[in-house]
Each structure stands twice: as structure tokens, then as C-alpha cells.
Amino acid sequence: MAILHVKGVSKSFAGLKALNDVNLAVEAGSVHAIIGPNGAGKSTLLNCFVGRLAPDSGSVTFDGKSLVGLAPHEINQTGVARVFQTPEIFGDLSVLENVVIPALARRDGAFAFNAWPRADAQAEVLERAEHALEDVGLAGKRHETSGNLSRGDKRRLELAMCLVQEPRLLLMDEPTAGMSRADTNNTIDLLQRVGEGKVTKVIIEHDMHVVFSLARRISVMAQGTVIAEGDPQSIKGDERVKQAYLGGAHL
């Protein structure tokens, strides 16, 4: 069954139509990729999912609940987490502190500086943060200043910050951008492993190696709308997709 439904979503900026009647359904527990050339509207669509943008028309429904009109933190509380195109971390804090903050937000609904009322509550949050770091392979760097991490490790840290919230839907905007091939392959292995079958994942990605390694279903966008959808094999042979990618250079 689909857990995320997008119906008739459109969005314009100063007369320029960034999204035009986008329809999408994402199956629960699946990995669903959204691909397309630059300017296709992929990141704009993702911003409509998480409340950073409000669509001009249409609906976005997660697990039967409309997300349109909700604030980003309210959407996060429904079980939706996002990895941004540029890692958004607290560069002056330690790796562990970065993960503790969203763990507190998940527990309390918002981060508060007086959020340590009991020793057992503190221990529970720290344990969850430690487990999230172990999942992404950063446990050994827990006390390092996060701003000093490599780009690949910053990506992994942001993923840990998402996972500690125990999301049901994980949205990732180019999670391997700027990574070396070795880091990219490690990230593929990590994304295949974490939350397998339990966390629904939507990935926006230009690297077709990543897309075809992870996705069970792919939606292709061009000029603000979905032009094709299917499994990886059918997408590889779709003429509309090849034209959108200027003759198939990316496929």
C-alpha cells in the first residue's frame, strides 16, 4: 500500500511553473527514487513534502494525513525526516551532541535547554543517539567536532540525526553529492541496510549508479511534471527518459 500520496501538486514562482500537476504514490517500506535533469522541480517537490514550501494547488498526504499547511516541525512529528542536499549540522558541537538534539526533539516535540529532568531520561536519549551513530559507522568519532568531519562523514552524521528520530519516511536530497566513489558505495551499503523494509525512503539523486543500486521504483521528472515511472529496467529503456537526459548520457 502507498504511504505517501501526491495528487495534482503545482507550484509557481513569479509566473514560472516549477511544478505542474505532479502525481506520485510511494509504497510503504520501499525505496523510491525521483530523478530528472537540473530544473526539473525535484527539490521543489521535496520542499512541498516537508513544509518549506506550500503548493499552490494539490495535496500531499502521508499515512492518511494531509501535510499541506503544517509547519516543518509538525511534519517531522508525523514521522517524516529529511537529509538535505547540503548537510545541515551544528558544526561547533560534537558528533554525539548533534544526534542528541533531534533525539530530544523527537521525545519532547521541540528542543528545550532544560530537557534533562531525570538521569534515566538522559540515559535513554544518550543510548538512542549512540545506537544511531553505530548504525552509520560514526561511533568512534562521537566526541569529534562535527565541523571537522569529511563531507562523507557529515552526510552520515545527518543521516544519524534523522534515524534517531525513528522516522517512517526518510527523504534524501542527493545523499551522495560531492562524495568520492568509495564514499558513495559505502553510503549505498548503509542506505540498503538501515531501516530495511521498515523505513520508506524517497531519494532524489543524479548518480544513476546510486539510483539503480537502491530504488525499486523510479519517477522521472522534466519541466515540473512526472513524465515516466516504473522499475529500473523499464526506466532505462524509456525513450522519454532518454530525451529528457539529452540522449541518455546519464543512463
C-alpha atoms as a PDB file:
ATOM      1  CA  MET A   1       0.000   0.000   0.000  1.00  0.00           C
ATOM      2  CA  ALA A   2       1.114   3.553  -0.707  1.00  0.00           C
ATOM      3  CA  ILE A   3       2.066   5.575   2.366  1.00  0.00           C
ATOM      4  CA  LEU A   4       2.779   8.850   0.536  1.00  0.00           C
ATOM      5  CA  HIS A   5       0.274  10.251  -1.966  1.00  0.00           C
ATOM      6  CA  VAL A   6       0.897  13.334  -4.096  1.00  0.00           C
ATOM      7  CA  LYS A   7      -2.055  14.470  -6.211  1.00  0.00           C
ATOM      8  CA  GLY A   8      -2.172  17.385  -8.636  1.00  0.00           C
ATOM      9  CA  VAL A   9       0.585  19.381  -6.949  1.00  0.00           C
ATOM     10  CA  SER A  10       1.523  22.620  -8.734  1.00  0.00           C
ATOM     11  CA  LYS A  11       3.829  25.447  -7.660  1.00  0.00           C
ATOM     12  CA  SER A  12       4.797  28.682  -9.410  1.00  0.00           C
ATOM     13  CA  PHE A  13       7.380  31.346  -8.670  1.00  0.00           C
ATOM     14  CA  ALA A  14       6.763  34.782 -10.218  1.00  0.00           C
ATOM     15  CA  GLY A  15       4.854  33.217 -13.078  1.00  0.00           C
ATOM     16  CA  LEU A  16       7.346  30.386 -13.648  1.00  0.00           C
ATOM     17  CA  LYS A  17       5.731  26.993 -13.127  1.00  0.00           C
ATOM     18  CA  ALA A  18       8.192  24.885 -11.105  1.00  0.00           C
ATOM     19  CA  LEU A  19       5.693  22.064 -10.558  1.00  0.00           C
ATOM     20  CA  ASN A  20       2.821  21.246 -12.889  1.00  0.00           C
ATOM     21  CA  ASP A  21       0.157  18.741 -11.789  1.00  0.00           C
ATOM     22  CA  VAL A  22       2.560  16.286 -10.134  1.00  0.00           C
ATOM     23  CA  ASN A  23       1.097  12.913  -9.159  1.00  0.00           C
ATOM     24  CA  LEU A  24       3.057  10.345  -7.190  1.00  0.00           C
ATOM     25  CA  ALA A  25       2.457   7.332  -4.946  1.00  0.00           C
ATOM     26  CA  VAL A  26       5.178   5.808  -2.779  1.00  0.00           C
ATOM     27  CA  GLU A  27       4.743   2.295  -1.413  1.00  0.00           C
ATOM     28  CA  ALA A  28       5.316   1.715   2.297  1.00  0.00           C
ATOM     29  CA  GLY A  29       8.729   0.190   3.049  1.00  0.00           C
ATOM     30  CA  SER A  30      10.059   0.817  -0.465  1.00  0.00           C
ATOM     31  CA  VAL A  31      12.944   2.840  -1.866  1.00  0.00           C
ATOM     32  CA  HIS A  32      11.522   5.267  -4.434  1.00  0.00           C
ATOM     33  CA  ALA A  33      13.852   7.460  -6.500  1.00  0.00           C
ATOM     34  CA  ILE A  34      12.919  10.745  -8.158  1.00  0.00           C
ATOM     35  CA  ILE A  35      15.274  11.646 -10.990  1.00  0.00           C
ATOM     36  CA  GLY A  36      15.430  14.252 -13.726  1.00  0.00           C
ATOM     37  CA  PRO A  37      17.653  16.938 -15.239  1.00  0.00           C
ATOM     38  CA  ASN A  38      18.524  20.142 -13.369  1.00  0.00           C
ATOM     39  CA  GLY A  39      15.498  22.410 -13.038  1.00  0.00           C
ATOM     40  CA  ALA A  40      13.003  19.559 -13.304  1.00  0.00           C
ATOM     41  CA  GLY A  41      11.377  20.508  -9.976  1.00  0.00           C
ATOM     42  CA  LYS A  42      12.678  17.652  -7.805  1.00  0.00           C
ATOM     43  CA  SER A  43      13.895  19.696  -4.830  1.00  0.00           C
ATOM     44  CA  THR A  44      10.850  21.974  -5.048  1.00  0.00           C
ATOM     45  CA  LEU A  45       8.648  18.894  -4.750  1.00  0.00           C
ATOM     46  CA  LEU A  46      10.612  17.680  -1.737  1.00  0.00           C
ATOM     47  CA  ASN A  47      10.227  21.100  -0.113  1.00  0.00           C
ATOM     48  CA  CYS A  48       6.466  20.748  -0.530  1.00  0.00           C
ATOM     49  CA  PHE A  49       6.662  17.420   1.319  1.00  0.00           C
ATOM     50  CA  VAL A  50       8.394  18.906   4.379  1.00  0.00           C
ATOM     51  CA  GLY A  51       6.562  22.216   4.699  1.00  0.00           C
ATOM     52  CA  ARG A  52       9.284  24.524   3.447  1.00  0.00           C
ATOM     53  CA  LEU A  53       7.007  25.405   0.539  1.00  0.00           C
ATOM     54  CA  ALA A  54       3.237  25.317   0.255  1.00  0.00           C
ATOM     55  CA  PRO A  55       1.882  24.059  -3.082  1.00  0.00           C
ATOM     56  CA  ASP A  56      -0.391  26.415  -4.983  1.00  0.00           C
ATOM     57  CA  SER A  57      -2.760  23.519  -5.570  1.00  0.00           C
ATOM     58  CA  GLY A  58      -2.962  19.796  -4.989  1.00  0.00           C
ATOM     59  CA  SER A  59      -2.493  17.553  -1.967  1.00  0.00           C
ATOM     60  CA  VAL A  60       0.342  15.774  -0.152  1.00  0.00           C
ATOM     61  CA  THR A  61      -0.844  13.006   2.162  1.00  0.00           C
ATOM     62  CA  PHE A  62       1.331  10.867   4.435  1.00  0.00           C
ATOM     63  CA  ASP A  63      -0.228   7.807   6.041  1.00  0.00           C
ATOM     64  CA  GLY A  64      -3.686   9.275   5.508  1.00  0.00           C
ATOM     65  CA  LYS A  65      -2.851  12.701   6.969  1.00  0.00           C
ATOM     66  CA  SER A  66      -2.550  15.864   4.897  1.00  0.00           C
ATOM     67  CA  LEU A  67       0.830  17.587   5.189  1.00  0.00           C
ATOM     68  CA  VAL A  68      -0.255  20.745   3.370  1.00  0.00           C
ATOM     69  CA  GLY A  69      -0.408  23.698   5.749  1.00  0.00           C
ATOM     70  CA  LEU A  70       1.610  22.020   8.503  1.00  0.00           C
ATOM     71  CA  ALA A  71       4.802  23.623   9.784  1.00  0.00           C
ATOM     72  CA  PRO A  72       8.068  21.718   9.181  1.00  0.00           C
ATOM     73  CA  HIS A  73       8.348  20.644  12.835  1.00  0.00           C
ATOM     74  CA  GLU A  74       4.751  19.378  12.771  1.00  0.00           C
ATOM     75  CA  ILE A  75       5.501  17.313   9.662  1.00  0.00           C
ATOM     76  CA  ASN A  76       8.616  15.972  11.361  1.00  0.00           C
ATOM     77  CA  GLN A  77       6.486  14.848  14.301  1.00  0.00           C
ATOM     78  CA  THR A  78       4.311  12.753  11.963  1.00  0.00           C
ATOM     79  CA  GLY A  79       7.368  10.591  11.232  1.00  0.00           C
ATOM     80  CA  VAL A  80       8.961  12.380   8.265  1.00  0.00           C
ATOM     81  CA  ALA A  81      12.700  13.188   8.288  1.00  0.00           C
ATOM     82  CA  ARG A  82      14.888  14.725   5.603  1.00  0.00           C
ATOM     83  CA  VAL A  83      18.557  14.640   4.587  1.00  0.00           C
ATOM     84  CA  PHE A  84      19.354  17.921   2.849  1.00  0.00           C
ATOM     85  CA  GLN A  85      21.353  18.488  -0.330  1.00  0.00           C
ATOM     86  CA  THR A  86      23.932  20.403   1.725  1.00  0.00           C
ATOM     87  CA  PRO A  87      24.465  18.737   5.131  1.00  0.00           C
ATOM     88  CA  GLU A  88      22.746  20.767   7.868  1.00  0.00           C
ATOM     89  CA  ILE A  89      24.583  20.035  11.100  1.00  0.00           C
ATOM     90  CA  PHE A  90      25.746  22.005  14.143  1.00  0.00           C
ATOM     91  CA  GLY A  91      29.379  22.471  13.176  1.00  0.00           C
ATOM     92  CA  ASP A  92      30.553  23.710  16.594  1.00  0.00           C
ATOM     93  CA  LEU A  93      29.037  20.787  18.500  1.00  0.00           C
ATOM     94  CA  SER A  94      30.364  17.277  18.865  1.00  0.00           C
ATOM     95  CA  VAL A  95      29.099  14.450  16.691  1.00  0.00           C
ATOM     96  CA  LEU A  96      27.197  12.977  19.646  1.00  0.00           C
ATOM     97  CA  GLU A  97      25.641  16.326  20.600  1.00  0.00           C
ATOM     98  CA  ASN A  98      24.372  16.718  17.036  1.00  0.00           C
ATOM     99  CA  VAL A  99      22.435  13.472  17.365  1.00  0.00           C
ATOM    100  CA  VAL A 100      21.185  14.163  20.898  1.00  0.00           C
ATOM    101  CA  ILE A 101      19.402  17.360  19.778  1.00  0.00           C
ATOM    102  CA  PRO A 102      16.947  15.682  17.339  1.00  0.00           C
ATOM    103  CA  ALA A 103      16.543  12.803  19.804  1.00  0.00           C
ATOM    104  CA  LEU A 104      15.322  15.337  22.371  1.00  0.00           C
ATOM    105  CA  ALA A 105      13.085  16.996  19.785  1.00  0.00           C
ATOM    106  CA  ARG A 106      11.550  13.622  18.923  1.00  0.00           C
ATOM    107  CA  ARG A 107      10.887  12.894  22.606  1.00  0.00           C
ATOM    108  CA  ASP A 108       9.577  16.302  23.639  1.00  0.00           C
ATOM    109  CA  GLY A 109       8.165  17.738  20.410  1.00  0.00           C
ATOM    110  CA  ALA A 110      10.739  20.543  20.469  1.00  0.00           C
ATOM    111  CA  PHE A 111      14.259  21.048  21.751  1.00  0.00           C
ATOM    112  CA  ALA A 112      14.494  22.703  25.172  1.00  0.00           C
ATOM    113  CA  PHE A 113      17.584  23.598  27.122  1.00  0.00           C
ATOM    114  CA  ASN A 114      16.032  22.272  30.336  1.00  0.00           C
ATOM    115  CA  ALA A 115      15.437  18.897  28.726  1.00  0.00           C
ATOM    116  CA  TRP A 116      17.380  16.839  31.304  1.00  0.00           C
ATOM    117  CA  PRO A 117      14.805  16.413  34.102  1.00  0.00           C
ATOM    118  CA  ARG A 118      15.859  12.921  35.171  1.00  0.00           C
ATOM    119  CA  ALA A 119      19.014  10.867  34.959  1.00  0.00           C
ATOM    120  CA  ASP A 120      17.138   7.915  33.446  1.00  0.00           C
ATOM    121  CA  ALA A 121      15.648  10.148  30.742  1.00  0.00           C
ATOM    122  CA  GLN A 122      19.107  11.464  29.927  1.00  0.00           C
ATOM    123  CA  ALA A 123      20.486   7.920  29.720  1.00  0.00           C
ATOM    124  CA  GLU A 124      17.690   6.861  27.359  1.00  0.00           C
ATOM    125  CA  VAL A 125      18.345   9.730  24.943  1.00  0.00           C
ATOM    126  CA  LEU A 126      22.107   9.157  25.002  1.00  0.00           C
ATOM    127  CA  GLU A 127      21.631   5.450  24.343  1.00  0.00           C
ATOM    128  CA  ARG A 128      19.447   6.143  21.302  1.00  0.00           C
ATOM    129  CA  ALA A 129      21.992   8.655  19.998  1.00  0.00           C
ATOM    130  CA  GLU A 130      24.838   6.169  20.460  1.00  0.00           C
ATOM    131  CA  HIS A 131      22.897   3.467  18.609  1.00  0.00           C
ATOM    132  CA  ALA A 132      22.207   5.828  15.698  1.00  0.00           C
ATOM    133  CA  LEU A 133      25.925   6.622  15.439  1.00  0.00           C
ATOM    134  CA  GLU A 134      26.752   2.916  15.477  1.00  0.00           C
ATOM    135  CA  ASP A 135      24.257   2.340  12.664  1.00  0.00           C
ATOM    136  CA  VAL A 136      26.040   4.848  10.407  1.00  0.00           C
ATOM    137  CA  GLY A 137      29.581   3.908  11.438  1.00  0.00           C
ATOM    138  CA  LEU A 138      30.417   7.077  13.386  1.00  0.00           C
ATOM    139  CA  ALA A 139      30.511   5.733  16.952  1.00  0.00           C
ATOM    140  CA  GLY A 140      34.290   6.072  17.038  1.00  0.00           C
ATOM    141  CA  LYS A 141      34.028   9.792  16.221  1.00  0.00           C
ATOM    142  CA  ARG A 142      31.313  10.659  18.752  1.00  0.00           C
ATOM    143  CA  HIS A 143      33.430  13.248  20.577  1.00  0.00           C
ATOM    144  CA  GLU A 144      34.911  14.926  17.497  1.00  0.00           C
ATOM    145  CA  THR A 145      33.753  18.409  16.494  1.00  0.00           C
ATOM    146  CA  SER A 146      31.302  17.805  13.663  1.00  0.00           C
ATOM    147  CA  GLY A 147      32.551  20.730  11.581  1.00  0.00           C
ATOM    148  CA  ASN A 148      35.880  18.927  11.164  1.00  0.00           C
ATOM    149  CA  LEU A 149      34.341  15.826   9.581  1.00  0.00           C
ATOM    150  CA  SER A 150      34.816  14.901   5.931  1.00  0.00           C
ATOM    151  CA  ARG A 151      31.873  15.542   3.605  1.00  0.00           C
ATOM    152  CA  GLY A 152      31.019  11.849   3.566  1.00  0.00           C
ATOM    153  CA  ASP A 153      31.028  11.694   7.371  1.00  0.00           C
ATOM    154  CA  LYS A 154      28.894  14.845   7.564  1.00  0.00           C
ATOM    155  CA  ARG A 155      26.381  13.078   5.338  1.00  0.00           C
ATOM    156  CA  ARG A 156      26.453  10.059   7.641  1.00  0.00           C
ATOM    157  CA  LEU A 157      26.030  12.308  10.674  1.00  0.00           C
ATOM    158  CA  GLU A 158      22.969  13.971   9.156  1.00  0.00           C
ATOM    159  CA  LEU A 159      21.560  10.520   8.419  1.00  0.00           C
ATOM    160  CA  ALA A 160      22.116   9.546  12.086  1.00  0.00           C
ATOM    161  CA  MET A 161      20.299  12.749  13.097  1.00  0.00           C
ATOM    162  CA  CYS A 162      17.356  11.535  11.018  1.00  0.00           C
ATOM    163  CA  LEU A 163      17.456   7.909  12.151  1.00  0.00           C
ATOM    164  CA  VAL A 164      17.475   8.788  15.852  1.00  0.00           C
ATOM    165  CA  GLN A 165      14.010  10.282  15.318  1.00  0.00           C
ATOM    166  CA  GLU A 166      12.770   6.817  14.257  1.00  0.00           C
ATOM    167  CA  PRO A 167      11.142   8.129  11.062  1.00  0.00           C
ATOM    168  CA  ARG A 168       8.694   6.155   8.968  1.00  0.00           C
ATOM    169  CA  LEU A 169       9.509   8.233   5.880  1.00  0.00           C
ATOM    170  CA  LEU A 170      13.071   9.336   5.075  1.00  0.00           C
ATOM    171  CA  LEU A 171      13.509  11.938   2.328  1.00  0.00           C
ATOM    172  CA  MET A 172      17.020  12.310   0.882  1.00  0.00           C
ATOM    173  CA  ASP A 173      18.071  15.096  -1.476  1.00  0.00           C
ATOM    174  CA  GLU A 174      21.201  13.877  -3.309  1.00  0.00           C
ATOM    175  CA  PRO A 175      22.665  11.979  -0.329  1.00  0.00           C
ATOM    176  CA  THR A 176      25.912  11.171  -2.197  1.00  0.00           C
ATOM    177  CA  ALA A 177      26.557  14.593  -3.770  1.00  0.00           C
ATOM    178  CA  GLY A 178      30.240  15.502  -3.676  1.00  0.00           C
ATOM    179  CA  MET A 179      31.348  12.108  -2.422  1.00  0.00           C
ATOM    180  CA  SER A 180      34.175  10.009  -3.793  1.00  0.00           C
ATOM    181  CA  ARG A 181      33.187   6.729  -5.455  1.00  0.00           C
ATOM    182  CA  ALA A 182      34.345   4.810  -2.371  1.00  0.00           C
ATOM    183  CA  ASP A 183      32.229   7.011  -0.069  1.00  0.00           C
ATOM    184  CA  THR A 184      29.305   6.698  -2.471  1.00  0.00           C
ATOM    185  CA  ASN A 185      29.482   2.890  -2.404  1.00  0.00           C
ATOM    186  CA  ASN A 186      29.715   2.924   1.394  1.00  0.00           C
ATOM    187  CA  THR A 187      26.635   5.155   1.525  1.00  0.00           C
ATOM    188  CA  ILE A 188      24.754   2.797  -0.798  1.00  0.00           C
ATOM    189  CA  ASP A 189      25.568  -0.102   1.528  1.00  0.00           C
ATOM    190  CA  LEU A 190      24.442   1.955   4.522  1.00  0.00           C
ATOM    191  CA  LEU A 191      21.139   3.003   2.945  1.00  0.00           C
ATOM    192  CA  GLN A 192      20.430  -0.586   1.914  1.00  0.00           C
ATOM    193  CA  ARG A 193      20.968  -1.693   5.495  1.00  0.00           C
ATOM    194  CA  VAL A 194      19.287   0.923   7.698  1.00  0.00           C
ATOM    195  CA  GLY A 195      15.572   0.577   8.242  1.00  0.00           C
ATOM    196  CA  GLU A 196      15.252  -2.085   5.546  1.00  0.00           C
ATOM    197  CA  GLY A 197      11.573  -2.794   4.944  1.00  0.00           C
ATOM    198  CA  LYS A 198      10.540  -0.565   7.869  1.00  0.00           C
ATOM    199  CA  VAL A 199      11.532   2.926   6.731  1.00  0.00           C
ATOM    200  CA  THR A 200      10.136   4.202   3.436  1.00  0.00           C
ATOM    201  CA  LYS A 201      12.842   6.086   1.547  1.00  0.00           C
ATOM    202  CA  VAL A 202      12.461   8.701  -1.176  1.00  0.00           C
ATOM    203  CA  ILE A 203      15.727   9.627  -2.884  1.00  0.00           C
ATOM    204  CA  ILE A 204      16.479  12.492  -5.248  1.00  0.00           C
ATOM    205  CA  GLU A 205      19.739  11.650  -6.977  1.00  0.00           C
ATOM    206  CA  HIS A 206      21.675  12.440 -10.160  1.00  0.00           C
ATOM    207  CA  ASP A 207      24.047   9.483  -9.847  1.00  0.00           C
ATOM    208  CA  MET A 208      22.363   6.640 -11.728  1.00  0.00           C
ATOM    209  CA  HIS A 209      24.685   4.126 -10.072  1.00  0.00           C
ATOM    210  CA  VAL A 210      23.093   5.093  -6.748  1.00  0.00           C
ATOM    211  CA  VAL A 211      19.563   5.114  -8.172  1.00  0.00           C
ATOM    212  CA  PHE A 212      19.782   1.707  -9.830  1.00  0.00           C
ATOM    213  CA  SER A 213      21.514   0.216  -6.779  1.00  0.00           C
ATOM    214  CA  LEU A 214      18.809   1.318  -4.341  1.00  0.00           C
ATOM    215  CA  ALA A 215      15.464   2.063  -5.959  1.00  0.00           C
ATOM    216  CA  ARG A 216      12.693  -0.413  -6.553  1.00  0.00           C
ATOM    217  CA  ARG A 217      10.631   2.214  -8.349  1.00  0.00           C
ATOM    218  CA  ILE A 218      11.681   5.377 -10.154  1.00  0.00           C
ATOM    219  CA  SER A 219       9.740   8.521 -11.078  1.00  0.00           C
ATOM    220  CA  VAL A 220      11.265  10.730 -13.765  1.00  0.00           C
ATOM    221  CA  MET A 221      10.570  14.466 -13.757  1.00  0.00           C
ATOM    222  CA  ALA A 222      11.114  17.028 -16.503  1.00  0.00           C
ATOM    223  CA  GLN A 223       9.870  20.617 -16.700  1.00  0.00           C
ATOM    224  CA  GLY A 224       7.982  20.326 -13.442  1.00  0.00           C
ATOM    225  CA  THR A 225       5.994  17.173 -14.074  1.00  0.00           C
ATOM    226  CA  VAL A 226       6.375  13.384 -13.939  1.00  0.00           C
ATOM    227  CA  ILE A 227       6.994  12.077 -17.456  1.00  0.00           C
ATOM    228  CA  ALA A 228       7.666   8.407 -16.679  1.00  0.00           C
ATOM    229  CA  GLU A 229       7.513   5.939 -13.819  1.00  0.00           C
ATOM    230  CA  GLY A 230       8.437   2.310 -13.387  1.00  0.00           C
ATOM    231  CA  ASP A 231      11.035  -0.186 -12.236  1.00  0.00           C
ATOM    232  CA  PRO A 232      14.716   0.445 -13.035  1.00  0.00           C
ATOM    233  CA  GLN A 233      14.740  -1.779 -16.107  1.00  0.00           C
ATOM    234  CA  SER A 234      11.742  -0.104 -17.737  1.00  0.00           C
ATOM    235  CA  ILE A 235      13.136   3.358 -16.990  1.00  0.00           C
ATOM    236  CA  LYS A 236      16.443   2.501 -18.650  1.00  0.00           C
ATOM    237  CA  GLY A 237      14.650   1.738 -21.908  1.00  0.00           C
ATOM    238  CA  ASP A 238      12.101   4.579 -21.861  1.00  0.00           C
ATOM    239  CA  GLU A 239      12.572   6.930 -24.834  1.00  0.00           C
ATOM    240  CA  ARG A 240      11.016   9.883 -22.989  1.00  0.00           C
ATOM    241  CA  VAL A 241      13.606   9.476 -20.245  1.00  0.00           C
ATOM    242  CA  LYS A 242      16.451   9.301 -22.758  1.00  0.00           C
ATOM    243  CA  GLN A 243      15.252  12.512 -24.403  1.00  0.00           C
ATOM    244  CA  ALA A 244      14.975  14.268 -21.022  1.00  0.00           C
ATOM    245  CA  TYR A 245      18.577  13.292 -20.329  1.00  0.00           C
ATOM    246  CA  LEU A 246      19.830  14.629 -23.660  1.00  0.00           C
ATOM    247  CA  GLY A 247      20.186  11.354 -25.451  1.00  0.00           C
ATOM    248  CA  GLY A 248      20.651   9.093 -22.461  1.00  0.00           C
ATOM    249  CA  ALA A 249      24.111  10.224 -21.348  1.00  0.00           C
ATOM    250  CA  HIS A 250      23.135   9.700 -17.711  1.00  0.00           C
ATOM    251  CA  LEU A 251      21.551   6.249 -18.150  1.00  0.00           C
END
